[in-house]
Amino acid sequence: MKKIISYLFSLFILVGFVLPISVEAAEMNFSVQAVIPENQVDKGKTYFDLKMSPDQKQDLEITMKNDTSKDVTVEIGINTATTNDNGIADYSGNSEKKDSTLKYDLSELIEIEKEVTIPAKGETTITAHLKMPAETFDGVLLGGFTFVEKESTENKEVQEGAQIVNKFAYTIGIQLQETDKLIEPELVLNDVLPGQVNFRNVVQANIQNTEAAIIKNLTVDGKIFKKDGKEALYEAKRTDLRIAPNSNFNFGISLENEEFKPGTYVFKGVANSGEKEWKFEKEFTIKSEVAKELNSTAVELDKDYSLYIYLSIGLVVLILLLIILYLLKKIKSNKQ
């Protein structure tokens, strides 16, 4: 059986330039730093926070430093921020989903080298070429440059025998705006569907931020009810969420190792940013075949044997009734 190698990216999102904090990350062989330009909105930030104009072109510089005695090759990416299913803005580019409300993708506005080699005990400066859209927009575009050390041939051979490989990356954020107009965020509820996370049954409510605005300190509280039911069957609450502009995520409510049961249900949710509140409600149906398929792949599932118990009780009662009827008939026959 082939061993599965899972690449776990620990992405350090640079609100300021920070050093990795884990043991493995502390052994990273390079560092990166943004060269802050004149049109930086907040000079105290160490990521790119830029005020731009329509159709403007600008070169952005990033310094890369190597303190080791060997050359280090780094793979570079530029990604538009999405929101992962933990409700956190994600700059890694791991998500393939492009939100339906996203008008401009940073990967289409910025050109940068995909691979750079930093000489031993040296540094190099790379340049990203930014070209803004011709049309004026309000709100913000959010994303990040990612930097991951390229695997050597020796490391690849070692990883072939490993189950889990940790890959650490630096991220330098980039936030672009053209106007000072304040855009109000807007959350909408899309589909509510049964699904799984790590082979555990969950109900997933897709929540979408349709505007070019960041939502910070968001709290989401969700509950699942049987249709026409008054008592919540399952519920979940998450706090301190940070939602990227024009993005969506799946808010998951665990079934706590219980089986999916076919039927019609209702999701009710409330999201609150401290400045604005949104209320959601949507009916959804779990079909028998979907429930059966998901239950068959779920792990640590608490099986529901209530049907078998009721059938067994019914069978015992039926047998007892038959015995009683037989005895009554026999007694009556003996009297005659």
C-alpha atoms as a PDB file:
ATOM      1  CA  MET A   1       0.000   0.000   0.000  1.00  0.00           C
ATOM      2  CA  LYS A   2       1.337   3.383  -0.930  1.00  0.00           C
ATOM      3  CA  LYS A   3       2.035   5.689   1.954  1.00  0.00           C
ATOM      4  CA  ILE A   4       0.238   9.002   1.897  1.00  0.00           C
ATOM      5  CA  ILE A   5       2.315  12.111   2.428  1.00  0.00           C
ATOM      6  CA  SER A   6       0.323  14.981   3.815  1.00  0.00           C
ATOM      7  CA  TYR A   7       1.849  18.417   3.398  1.00  0.00           C
ATOM      8  CA  LEU A   8       0.901  20.523   6.394  1.00  0.00           C
ATOM      9  CA  PHE A   9       1.505  24.188   5.721  1.00  0.00           C
ATOM     10  CA  SER A  10       2.062  26.395   8.761  1.00  0.00           C
ATOM     11  CA  LEU A  11       1.530  29.774   7.154  1.00  0.00           C
ATOM     12  CA  PHE A  12       2.745  32.729   9.160  1.00  0.00           C
ATOM     13  CA  ILE A  13       0.479  35.568   8.077  1.00  0.00           C
ATOM     14  CA  LEU A  14       2.526  38.683   8.527  1.00  0.00           C
ATOM     15  CA  VAL A  15       0.484  41.391  10.151  1.00  0.00           C
ATOM     16  CA  GLY A  16       4.028  42.441  10.914  1.00  0.00           C
ATOM     17  CA  PHE A  17       7.148  40.570   9.884  1.00  0.00           C
ATOM     18  CA  VAL A  18       7.372  37.770  12.434  1.00  0.00           C
ATOM     19  CA  LEU A  19       9.768  34.946  13.058  1.00  0.00           C
ATOM     20  CA  PRO A  20       8.416  31.381  13.055  1.00  0.00           C
ATOM     21  CA  ILE A  21       7.535  30.219  16.548  1.00  0.00           C
ATOM     22  CA  SER A  22       7.689  26.424  16.352  1.00  0.00           C
ATOM     23  CA  VAL A  23      10.864  24.372  16.705  1.00  0.00           C
ATOM     24  CA  GLU A  24      10.788  23.177  13.116  1.00  0.00           C
ATOM     25  CA  ALA A  25       9.981  26.649  11.803  1.00  0.00           C
ATOM     26  CA  ALA A  26      12.861  28.143  13.782  1.00  0.00           C
ATOM     27  CA  GLU A  27      15.144  26.048  11.582  1.00  0.00           C
ATOM     28  CA  MET A  28      13.931  27.684   8.373  1.00  0.00           C
ATOM     29  CA  ASN A  29      16.890  28.494   6.195  1.00  0.00           C
ATOM     30  CA  PHE A  30      15.780  31.898   4.948  1.00  0.00           C
ATOM     31  CA  SER A  31      13.820  35.007   5.863  1.00  0.00           C
ATOM     32  CA  VAL A  32      11.823  37.536   3.869  1.00  0.00           C
ATOM     33  CA  GLN A  33      10.898  41.187   4.340  1.00  0.00           C
ATOM     34  CA  ALA A  34       8.792  43.637   2.361  1.00  0.00           C
ATOM     35  CA  VAL A  35      10.417  46.860   1.187  1.00  0.00           C
ATOM     36  CA  ILE A  36       7.749  49.383   2.136  1.00  0.00           C
ATOM     37  CA  PRO A  37       6.997  51.889  -0.672  1.00  0.00           C
ATOM     38  CA  GLU A  38       5.990  55.560  -0.437  1.00  0.00           C
ATOM     39  CA  ASN A  39       2.295  54.906  -1.097  1.00  0.00           C
ATOM     40  CA  GLN A  40       2.002  52.693   1.986  1.00  0.00           C
ATOM     41  CA  VAL A  41      -1.208  53.604   3.857  1.00  0.00           C
ATOM     42  CA  ASP A  42       0.126  52.635   7.288  1.00  0.00           C
ATOM     43  CA  LYS A  43       3.903  52.998   7.496  1.00  0.00           C
ATOM     44  CA  GLY A  44       3.884  51.012  10.742  1.00  0.00           C
ATOM     45  CA  LYS A  45       2.798  47.830   8.975  1.00  0.00           C
ATOM     46  CA  THR A  46       5.408  45.482   7.542  1.00  0.00           C
ATOM     47  CA  TYR A  47       3.113  43.965   4.923  1.00  0.00           C
ATOM     48  CA  PHE A  48       2.044  45.836   1.773  1.00  0.00           C
ATOM     49  CA  ASP A  49      -0.890  48.157   2.587  1.00  0.00           C
ATOM     50  CA  LEU A  50      -1.143  50.295  -0.529  1.00  0.00           C
ATOM     51  CA  LYS A  51      -3.270  53.152  -1.852  1.00  0.00           C
ATOM     52  CA  MET A  52      -3.439  52.776  -5.623  1.00  0.00           C
ATOM     53  CA  SER A  53      -5.062  54.355  -8.689  1.00  0.00           C
ATOM     54  CA  PRO A  54      -6.907  52.722 -11.600  1.00  0.00           C
ATOM     55  CA  ASP A  55      -4.557  51.285 -14.234  1.00  0.00           C
ATOM     56  CA  GLN A  56      -1.533  52.149 -12.081  1.00  0.00           C
ATOM     57  CA  LYS A  57       1.629  50.089 -12.443  1.00  0.00           C
ATOM     58  CA  GLN A  58       4.043  49.594  -9.566  1.00  0.00           C
ATOM     59  CA  ASP A  59       7.025  47.407  -8.738  1.00  0.00           C
ATOM     60  CA  LEU A  60       7.051  45.903  -5.242  1.00  0.00           C
ATOM     61  CA  GLU A  61      10.334  44.733  -3.734  1.00  0.00           C
ATOM     62  CA  ILE A  62      10.914  41.920  -1.252  1.00  0.00           C
ATOM     63  CA  THR A  63      14.272  41.189   0.369  1.00  0.00           C
ATOM     64  CA  MET A  64      15.198  37.533   0.906  1.00  0.00           C
ATOM     65  CA  LYS A  65      18.061  36.569   3.215  1.00  0.00           C
ATOM     66  CA  ASN A  66      19.960  33.286   3.627  1.00  0.00           C
ATOM     67  CA  ASP A  67      22.115  32.830   6.753  1.00  0.00           C
ATOM     68  CA  THR A  68      23.174  29.254   5.965  1.00  0.00           C
ATOM     69  CA  SER A  69      26.343  27.995   4.298  1.00  0.00           C
ATOM     70  CA  LYS A  70      24.407  26.522   1.356  1.00  0.00           C
ATOM     71  CA  ASP A  71      22.350  28.039  -1.424  1.00  0.00           C
ATOM     72  CA  VAL A  72      18.614  27.978  -0.691  1.00  0.00           C
ATOM     73  CA  THR A  73      15.982  27.756  -3.415  1.00  0.00           C
ATOM     74  CA  VAL A  74      12.574  29.198  -2.578  1.00  0.00           C
ATOM     75  CA  GLU A  75       9.263  28.694  -4.386  1.00  0.00           C
ATOM     76  CA  ILE A  76       7.114  31.830  -4.532  1.00  0.00           C
ATOM     77  CA  GLY A  77       3.383  32.296  -5.018  1.00  0.00           C
ATOM     78  CA  ILE A  78       0.855  35.123  -5.042  1.00  0.00           C
ATOM     79  CA  ASN A  79      -2.681  34.328  -3.900  1.00  0.00           C
ATOM     80  CA  THR A  80      -5.950  36.117  -3.303  1.00  0.00           C
ATOM     81  CA  ALA A  81      -7.137  35.629   0.273  1.00  0.00           C
ATOM     82  CA  THR A  82      -9.908  33.102   0.807  1.00  0.00           C
ATOM     83  CA  THR A  83     -11.612  32.002   4.020  1.00  0.00           C
ATOM     84  CA  ASN A  84     -10.982  28.459   5.210  1.00  0.00           C
ATOM     85  CA  ASP A  85     -13.597  26.318   6.914  1.00  0.00           C
ATOM     86  CA  ASN A  86     -12.235  27.339  10.312  1.00  0.00           C
ATOM     87  CA  GLY A  87     -13.451  30.848   9.508  1.00  0.00           C
ATOM     88  CA  ILE A  88      -9.970  32.345   9.115  1.00  0.00           C
ATOM     89  CA  ALA A  89      -8.576  34.356   6.190  1.00  0.00           C
ATOM     90  CA  ASP A  90      -6.223  32.059   4.271  1.00  0.00           C
ATOM     91  CA  TYR A  91      -3.372  33.265   2.051  1.00  0.00           C
ATOM     92  CA  SER A  92      -1.881  29.878   1.186  1.00  0.00           C
ATOM     93  CA  GLY A  93      -3.594  29.309  -2.144  1.00  0.00           C
ATOM     94  CA  ASN A  94      -4.598  25.815  -1.015  1.00  0.00           C
ATOM     95  CA  SER A  95      -8.243  26.530  -1.781  1.00  0.00           C
ATOM     96  CA  GLU A  96      -9.252  26.030  -5.388  1.00  0.00           C
ATOM     97  CA  LYS A  97     -12.588  27.746  -4.918  1.00  0.00           C
ATOM     98  CA  LYS A  98     -12.878  31.215  -6.448  1.00  0.00           C
ATOM     99  CA  ASP A  99     -15.764  33.096  -4.916  1.00  0.00           C
ATOM    100  CA  SER A 100     -18.567  34.042  -7.292  1.00  0.00           C
ATOM    101  CA  THR A 101     -18.454  37.675  -6.097  1.00  0.00           C
ATOM    102  CA  LEU A 102     -14.682  38.100  -6.540  1.00  0.00           C
ATOM    103  CA  LYS A 103     -14.084  40.576  -9.353  1.00  0.00           C
ATOM    104  CA  TYR A 104     -10.281  40.785  -9.357  1.00  0.00           C
ATOM    105  CA  ASP A 105      -7.841  37.963  -8.634  1.00  0.00           C
ATOM    106  CA  LEU A 106      -4.437  39.124  -7.364  1.00  0.00           C
ATOM    107  CA  SER A 107      -2.689  36.321  -9.237  1.00  0.00           C
ATOM    108  CA  GLU A 108      -3.908  37.992 -12.438  1.00  0.00           C
ATOM    109  CA  LEU A 109      -2.799  41.475 -11.363  1.00  0.00           C
ATOM    110  CA  ILE A 110       0.685  40.621 -10.075  1.00  0.00           C
ATOM    111  CA  GLU A 111       3.613  38.949 -11.820  1.00  0.00           C
ATOM    112  CA  ILE A 112       6.490  37.531  -9.772  1.00  0.00           C
ATOM    113  CA  GLU A 113       9.228  34.956 -10.198  1.00  0.00           C
ATOM    114  CA  LYS A 114       8.060  31.480  -9.251  1.00  0.00           C
ATOM    115  CA  GLU A 115      11.456  30.347  -7.991  1.00  0.00           C
ATOM    116  CA  VAL A 116      14.503  32.156  -6.594  1.00  0.00           C
ATOM    117  CA  THR A 117      17.852  30.874  -5.309  1.00  0.00           C
ATOM    118  CA  ILE A 118      19.402  32.826  -2.442  1.00  0.00           C
ATOM    119  CA  PRO A 119      23.203  32.462  -2.287  1.00  0.00           C
ATOM    120  CA  ALA A 120      24.856  31.086   0.845  1.00  0.00           C
ATOM    121  CA  LYS A 121      25.369  33.749   3.506  1.00  0.00           C
ATOM    122  CA  GLY A 122      23.780  36.240   1.160  1.00  0.00           C
ATOM    123  CA  GLU A 123      20.606  38.026   0.218  1.00  0.00           C
ATOM    124  CA  THR A 124      18.680  38.948  -2.886  1.00  0.00           C
ATOM    125  CA  THR A 125      15.870  41.323  -3.733  1.00  0.00           C
ATOM    126  CA  ILE A 126      13.016  40.202  -5.939  1.00  0.00           C
ATOM    127  CA  THR A 127      10.500  42.408  -7.729  1.00  0.00           C
ATOM    128  CA  ALA A 128       6.779  41.833  -8.143  1.00  0.00           C
ATOM    129  CA  HIS A 129       5.087  43.710 -10.976  1.00  0.00           C
ATOM    130  CA  LEU A 130       1.630  45.028 -10.069  1.00  0.00           C
ATOM    131  CA  LYS A 131      -0.858  46.411 -12.588  1.00  0.00           C
ATOM    132  CA  MET A 132      -4.162  47.673 -11.235  1.00  0.00           C
ATOM    133  CA  PRO A 133      -7.482  47.174 -13.060  1.00  0.00           C
ATOM    134  CA  ALA A 134      -8.506  49.976 -15.405  1.00  0.00           C
ATOM    135  CA  GLU A 135     -11.849  50.320 -13.659  1.00  0.00           C
ATOM    136  CA  THR A 136     -12.093  52.061 -10.297  1.00  0.00           C
ATOM    137  CA  PHE A 137     -13.237  49.894  -7.382  1.00  0.00           C
ATOM    138  CA  ASP A 138     -14.260  50.532  -3.780  1.00  0.00           C
ATOM    139  CA  GLY A 139     -13.228  48.353  -0.868  1.00  0.00           C
ATOM    140  CA  VAL A 140     -10.082  46.246  -0.585  1.00  0.00           C
ATOM    141  CA  LEU A 141      -8.284  43.472  -2.409  1.00  0.00           C
ATOM    142  CA  LEU A 142      -6.552  41.138   0.023  1.00  0.00           C
ATOM    143  CA  GLY A 143      -3.950  38.454  -0.536  1.00  0.00           C
ATOM    144  CA  GLY A 144      -0.403  37.403   0.139  1.00  0.00           C
ATOM    145  CA  PHE A 145       2.969  36.359  -1.236  1.00  0.00           C
ATOM    146  CA  THR A 146       3.977  32.873  -0.036  1.00  0.00           C
ATOM    147  CA  PHE A 147       7.546  31.597   0.276  1.00  0.00           C
ATOM    148  CA  VAL A 148       8.353  27.890   0.691  1.00  0.00           C
ATOM    149  CA  GLU A 149      11.797  26.293   0.563  1.00  0.00           C
ATOM    150  CA  LYS A 150      12.078  23.936  -2.398  1.00  0.00           C
ATOM    151  CA  GLU A 151      12.683  20.318  -1.475  1.00  0.00           C
ATOM    152  CA  SER A 152      16.115  18.920  -2.224  1.00  0.00           C
ATOM    153  CA  THR A 153      16.541  15.498  -3.829  1.00  0.00           C
ATOM    154  CA  GLU A 154      17.757  14.124  -0.492  1.00  0.00           C
ATOM    155  CA  ASN A 155      14.705  15.450   1.347  1.00  0.00           C
ATOM    156  CA  LYS A 156      12.362  13.965  -1.234  1.00  0.00           C
ATOM    157  CA  GLU A 157      13.934  10.538  -0.724  1.00  0.00           C
ATOM    158  CA  VAL A 158      13.505  10.838   3.044  1.00  0.00           C
ATOM    159  CA  GLN A 159       9.892  11.980   2.653  1.00  0.00           C
ATOM    160  CA  GLU A 160       9.019   8.922   0.597  1.00  0.00           C
ATOM    161  CA  GLY A 161       9.187   6.926   3.815  1.00  0.00           C
ATOM    162  CA  ALA A 162       7.261   9.447   5.896  1.00  0.00           C
ATOM    163  CA  GLN A 163       3.566   9.561   6.650  1.00  0.00           C
ATOM    164  CA  ILE A 164       3.450  13.279   7.466  1.00  0.00           C
ATOM    165  CA  VAL A 165       5.750  16.010   6.215  1.00  0.00           C
ATOM    166  CA  ASN A 166       5.581  19.495   7.695  1.00  0.00           C
ATOM    167  CA  LYS A 167       6.304  22.297   5.246  1.00  0.00           C
ATOM    168  CA  PHE A 168       6.645  25.753   6.707  1.00  0.00           C
ATOM    169  CA  ALA A 169       6.092  28.951   4.782  1.00  0.00           C
ATOM    170  CA  TYR A 170       6.375  32.672   5.186  1.00  0.00           C
ATOM    171  CA  THR A 171       3.555  34.882   3.985  1.00  0.00           C
ATOM    172  CA  ILE A 172       3.750  38.617   3.349  1.00  0.00           C
ATOM    173  CA  GLY A 173       0.294  40.094   3.092  1.00  0.00           C
ATOM    174  CA  ILE A 174      -0.840  42.600   0.489  1.00  0.00           C
ATOM    175  CA  GLN A 175      -3.874  44.860   0.807  1.00  0.00           C
ATOM    176  CA  LEU A 176      -4.869  47.181  -2.037  1.00  0.00           C
ATOM    177  CA  GLN A 177      -7.403  49.989  -2.119  1.00  0.00           C
ATOM    178  CA  GLU A 178      -8.177  52.914  -4.417  1.00  0.00           C
ATOM    179  CA  THR A 179     -10.763  54.955  -2.522  1.00  0.00           C
ATOM    180  CA  ASP A 180     -11.525  55.814   1.084  1.00  0.00           C
ATOM    181  CA  LYS A 181     -15.170  54.813   0.741  1.00  0.00           C
ATOM    182  CA  LEU A 182     -16.249  52.548   3.587  1.00  0.00           C
ATOM    183  CA  ILE A 183     -17.790  49.332   2.305  1.00  0.00           C
ATOM    184  CA  GLU A 184     -20.261  47.558   4.567  1.00  0.00           C
ATOM    185  CA  PRO A 185     -19.691  43.786   4.662  1.00  0.00           C
ATOM    186  CA  GLU A 186     -22.656  41.582   3.832  1.00  0.00           C
ATOM    187  CA  LEU A 187     -23.090  37.946   4.819  1.00  0.00           C
ATOM    188  CA  VAL A 188     -25.517  35.608   3.084  1.00  0.00           C
ATOM    189  CA  LEU A 189     -26.371  31.957   3.655  1.00  0.00           C
ATOM    190  CA  ASN A 190     -26.042  29.704   0.631  1.00  0.00           C
ATOM    191  CA  ASP A 191     -26.450  25.918   0.729  1.00  0.00           C
ATOM    192  CA  VAL A 192     -26.861  23.821   3.860  1.00  0.00           C
ATOM    193  CA  LEU A 193     -25.736  20.247   3.217  1.00  0.00           C
ATOM    194  CA  PRO A 194     -24.729  17.066   5.043  1.00  0.00           C
ATOM    195  CA  GLY A 195     -21.030  16.284   4.760  1.00  0.00           C
ATOM    196  CA  GLN A 196     -17.925  15.120   6.570  1.00  0.00           C
ATOM    197  CA  VAL A 197     -14.802  16.647   8.089  1.00  0.00           C
ATOM    198  CA  ASN A 198     -12.011  14.178   8.809  1.00  0.00           C
ATOM    199  CA  PHE A 199     -14.523  11.342   8.233  1.00  0.00           C
ATOM    200  CA  ARG A 200     -16.885  12.672  10.896  1.00  0.00           C
ATOM    201  CA  ASN A 201     -20.463  13.639  10.112  1.00  0.00           C
ATOM    202  CA  VAL A 202     -21.215  17.368  10.035  1.00  0.00           C
ATOM    203  CA  VAL A 203     -23.860  19.666   8.635  1.00  0.00           C
ATOM    204  CA  GLN A 204     -22.169  22.407   6.603  1.00  0.00           C
ATOM    205  CA  ALA A 205     -23.765  25.828   6.176  1.00  0.00           C
ATOM    206  CA  ASN A 206     -22.011  27.839   3.462  1.00  0.00           C
ATOM    207  CA  ILE A 207     -21.724  31.492   4.532  1.00  0.00           C
ATOM    208  CA  GLN A 208     -20.546  34.089   2.016  1.00  0.00           C
ATOM    209  CA  ASN A 209     -19.122  37.600   2.382  1.00  0.00           C
ATOM    210  CA  THR A 210     -20.317  39.230  -0.837  1.00  0.00           C
ATOM    211  CA  GLU A 211     -18.524  42.566  -0.394  1.00  0.00           C
ATOM    212  CA  ALA A 212     -14.924  43.801  -0.751  1.00  0.00           C
ATOM    213  CA  ALA A 213     -14.586  44.270   3.003  1.00  0.00           C
ATOM    214  CA  ILE A 214     -12.777  42.363   5.743  1.00  0.00           C
ATOM    215  CA  ILE A 215     -14.924  41.141   8.648  1.00  0.00           C
ATOM    216  CA  LYS A 216     -13.032  40.900  11.943  1.00  0.00           C
ATOM    217  CA  ASN A 217     -13.957  39.459  15.340  1.00  0.00           C
ATOM    218  CA  LEU A 218     -16.954  37.609  13.935  1.00  0.00           C
ATOM    219  CA  THR A 219     -18.978  35.239  16.107  1.00  0.00           C
ATOM    220  CA  VAL A 220     -21.203  32.639  14.457  1.00  0.00           C
ATOM    221  CA  ASP A 221     -23.759  30.551  16.343  1.00  0.00           C
ATOM    222  CA  GLY A 222     -25.639  27.836  14.449  1.00  0.00           C
ATOM    223  CA  LYS A 223     -28.274  25.246  15.375  1.00  0.00           C
ATOM    224  CA  ILE A 224     -29.973  22.334  13.618  1.00  0.00           C
ATOM    225  CA  PHE A 225     -33.653  21.578  14.224  1.00  0.00           C
ATOM    226  CA  LYS A 226     -35.973  18.899  12.949  1.00  0.00           C
ATOM    227  CA  LYS A 227     -38.595  20.564  10.732  1.00  0.00           C
ATOM    228  CA  ASP A 228     -41.308  21.964  13.018  1.00  0.00           C
ATOM    229  CA  GLY A 229     -39.147  20.984  15.993  1.00  0.00           C
ATOM    230  CA  LYS A 230     -38.538  23.403  18.867  1.00  0.00           C
ATOM    231  CA  GLU A 231     -35.489  21.798  20.463  1.00  0.00           C
ATOM    232  CA  ALA A 232     -32.069  22.027  18.796  1.00  0.00           C
ATOM    233  CA  LEU A 233     -30.623  18.651  17.841  1.00  0.00           C
ATOM    234  CA  TYR A 234     -27.071  19.931  17.284  1.00  0.00           C
ATOM    235  CA  GLU A 235     -25.341  23.281  17.659  1.00  0.00           C
ATOM    236  CA  ALA A 236     -21.965  24.989  17.306  1.00  0.00           C
ATOM    237  CA  LYS A 237     -20.460  28.368  18.144  1.00  0.00           C
ATOM    238  CA  ARG A 238     -17.233  29.933  16.917  1.00  0.00           C
ATOM    239  CA  THR A 239     -15.657  33.223  17.904  1.00  0.00           C
ATOM    240  CA  ASP A 240     -12.890  35.554  16.684  1.00  0.00           C
ATOM    241  CA  LEU A 241     -13.393  34.643  13.037  1.00  0.00           C
ATOM    242  CA  ARG A 242     -11.760  36.755  10.315  1.00  0.00           C
ATOM    243  CA  ILE A 243     -13.498  36.642   6.952  1.00  0.00           C
ATOM    244  CA  ALA A 244     -11.684  37.697   3.779  1.00  0.00           C
ATOM    245  CA  PRO A 245     -13.386  40.013   1.276  1.00  0.00           C
ATOM    246  CA  ASN A 246     -15.501  38.306  -1.399  1.00  0.00           C
ATOM    247  CA  SER A 247     -15.072  34.828   0.034  1.00  0.00           C
ATOM    248  CA  ASN A 248     -17.121  32.005   1.524  1.00  0.00           C
ATOM    249  CA  PHE A 249     -16.626  29.193   4.017  1.00  0.00           C
ATOM    250  CA  ASN A 250     -18.454  26.171   5.376  1.00  0.00           C
ATOM    251  CA  PHE A 251     -19.621  26.621   8.951  1.00  0.00           C
ATOM    252  CA  GLY A 252     -19.702  23.078  10.297  1.00  0.00           C
ATOM    253  CA  ILE A 253     -21.990  21.695  12.987  1.00  0.00           C
ATOM    254  CA  SER A 254     -20.857  18.308  14.281  1.00  0.00           C
ATOM    255  CA  LEU A 255     -23.316  15.455  14.756  1.00  0.00           C
ATOM    256  CA  GLU A 256     -21.098  14.341  17.649  1.00  0.00           C
ATOM    257  CA  ASN A 257     -20.458  10.899  16.175  1.00  0.00           C
ATOM    258  CA  GLU A 258     -24.129  10.269  15.486  1.00  0.00           C
ATOM    259  CA  GLU A 259     -25.561   8.888  12.266  1.00  0.00           C
ATOM    260  CA  PHE A 260     -27.283  11.003   9.648  1.00  0.00           C
ATOM    261  CA  LYS A 261     -31.003  10.279   9.653  1.00  0.00           C
ATOM    262  CA  PRO A 262     -33.069  10.960   6.518  1.00  0.00           C
ATOM    263  CA  GLY A 263     -35.578  13.766   6.857  1.00  0.00           C
ATOM    264  CA  THR A 264     -36.199  17.486   6.608  1.00  0.00           C
ATOM    265  CA  TYR A 265     -34.343  19.835   8.931  1.00  0.00           C
ATOM    266  CA  VAL A 266     -33.860  23.565   9.521  1.00  0.00           C
ATOM    267  CA  PHE A 267     -30.594  25.461  10.051  1.00  0.00           C
ATOM    268  CA  LYS A 268     -30.851  28.622  12.149  1.00  0.00           C
ATOM    269  CA  GLY A 269     -27.822  30.840  12.628  1.00  0.00           C
ATOM    270  CA  VAL A 270     -26.695  34.229  13.901  1.00  0.00           C
ATOM    271  CA  ALA A 271     -23.473  36.017  12.932  1.00  0.00           C
ATOM    272  CA  ASN A 272     -22.295  39.084  14.841  1.00  0.00           C
ATOM    273  CA  SER A 273     -19.241  41.267  14.197  1.00  0.00           C
ATOM    274  CA  GLY A 274     -19.916  43.661  17.061  1.00  0.00           C
ATOM    275  CA  GLU A 275     -20.976  46.274  14.517  1.00  0.00           C
ATOM    276  CA  LYS A 276     -23.545  44.318  12.552  1.00  0.00           C
ATOM    277  CA  GLU A 277     -25.687  41.212  13.016  1.00  0.00           C
ATOM    278  CA  TRP A 278     -27.000  38.754  10.451  1.00  0.00           C
ATOM    279  CA  LYS A 279     -29.682  36.110  10.998  1.00  0.00           C
ATOM    280  CA  PHE A 280     -29.998  33.012   8.837  1.00  0.00           C
ATOM    281  CA  GLU A 281     -32.621  30.314   8.440  1.00  0.00           C
ATOM    282  CA  LYS A 282     -32.839  27.621   5.794  1.00  0.00           C
ATOM    283  CA  GLU A 283     -34.643  24.309   5.377  1.00  0.00           C
ATOM    284  CA  PHE A 284     -32.702  21.352   3.999  1.00  0.00           C
ATOM    285  CA  THR A 285     -33.332  17.677   3.347  1.00  0.00           C
ATOM    286  CA  ILE A 286     -31.116  14.664   3.984  1.00  0.00           C
ATOM    287  CA  LYS A 287     -31.960  11.903   1.529  1.00  0.00           C
ATOM    288  CA  SER A 288     -31.780   8.226   2.477  1.00  0.00           C
ATOM    289  CA  GLU A 289     -29.060   7.358  -0.025  1.00  0.00           C
ATOM    290  CA  VAL A 290     -26.897  10.313   1.064  1.00  0.00           C
ATOM    291  CA  ALA A 291     -27.291   9.428   4.747  1.00  0.00           C
ATOM    292  CA  LYS A 292     -26.402   5.800   4.044  1.00  0.00           C
ATOM    293  CA  GLU A 293     -23.296   6.709   2.046  1.00  0.00           C
ATOM    294  CA  LEU A 294     -21.958   9.177   4.622  1.00  0.00           C
ATOM    295  CA  ASN A 295     -22.701   6.868   7.546  1.00  0.00           C
ATOM    296  CA  SER A 296     -20.803   4.066   5.814  1.00  0.00           C
ATOM    297  CA  THR A 297     -17.580   6.125   5.720  1.00  0.00           C
ATOM    298  CA  ALA A 298     -17.889   7.898   9.091  1.00  0.00           C
ATOM    299  CA  VAL A 299     -15.466   6.915  11.858  1.00  0.00           C
ATOM    300  CA  GLU A 300     -16.207   6.504  15.579  1.00  0.00           C
ATOM    301  CA  LEU A 301     -19.900   6.428  14.778  1.00  0.00           C
ATOM    302  CA  ASP A 302     -22.394   5.724  17.544  1.00  0.00           C
ATOM    303  CA  LYS A 303     -24.806   3.383  15.803  1.00  0.00           C
ATOM    304  CA  ASP A 304     -28.520   3.949  16.350  1.00  0.00           C
ATOM    305  CA  TYR A 305     -29.992   0.594  17.310  1.00  0.00           C
ATOM    306  CA  SER A 306     -33.357   1.996  18.459  1.00  0.00           C
ATOM    307  CA  LEU A 307     -35.214   0.557  15.451  1.00  0.00           C
ATOM    308  CA  TYR A 308     -33.874  -2.922  16.165  1.00  0.00           C
ATOM    309  CA  ILE A 309     -34.765  -2.545  19.842  1.00  0.00           C
ATOM    310  CA  TYR A 310     -38.331  -1.520  19.012  1.00  0.00           C
ATOM    311  CA  LEU A 311     -38.679  -4.388  16.540  1.00  0.00           C
ATOM    312  CA  SER A 312     -37.345  -6.834  19.120  1.00  0.00           C
ATOM    313  CA  ILE A 313     -39.759  -5.549  21.772  1.00  0.00           C
ATOM    314  CA  GLY A 314     -42.627  -5.771  19.302  1.00  0.00           C
ATOM    315  CA  LEU A 315     -41.668  -9.329  18.400  1.00  0.00           C
ATOM    316  CA  VAL A 316     -41.518 -10.355  22.080  1.00  0.00           C
ATOM    317  CA  VAL A 317     -44.936  -8.773  22.737  1.00  0.00           C
ATOM    318  CA  LEU A 318     -46.387 -10.559  19.707  1.00  0.00           C
ATOM    319  CA  ILE A 319     -45.014 -13.910  20.880  1.00  0.00           C
ATOM    320  CA  LEU A 320     -46.420 -13.344  24.383  1.00  0.00           C
ATOM    321  CA  LEU A 321     -49.840 -12.496  22.942  1.00  0.00           C
ATOM    322  CA  LEU A 322     -49.792 -15.640  20.825  1.00  0.00           C
ATOM    323  CA  ILE A 323     -48.851 -17.725  23.873  1.00  0.00           C
ATOM    324  CA  ILE A 324     -51.641 -16.145  25.944  1.00  0.00           C
ATOM    325  CA  LEU A 325     -54.174 -16.738  23.173  1.00  0.00           C
ATOM    326  CA  TYR A 326     -53.004 -20.335  22.848  1.00  0.00           C
ATOM    327  CA  LEU A 327     -53.318 -20.930  26.602  1.00  0.00           C
ATOM    328  CA  LEU A 328     -56.756 -19.319  26.776  1.00  0.00           C
ATOM    329  CA  LYS A 329     -57.923 -21.438  23.870  1.00  0.00           C
ATOM    330  CA  LYS A 330     -56.542 -24.587  25.511  1.00  0.00           C
ATOM    331  CA  ILE A 331     -58.217 -23.789  28.852  1.00  0.00           C
ATOM    332  CA  LYS A 332     -61.504 -23.182  27.105  1.00  0.00           C
ATOM    333  CA  SER A 333     -61.145 -26.466  25.217  1.00  0.00           C
ATOM    334  CA  ASN A 334     -60.446 -28.414  28.443  1.00  0.00           C
ATOM    335  CA  LYS A 335     -63.557 -26.983  30.121  1.00  0.00           C
ATOM    336  CA  GLN A 336     -65.667 -28.226  27.252  1.00  0.00           C
END
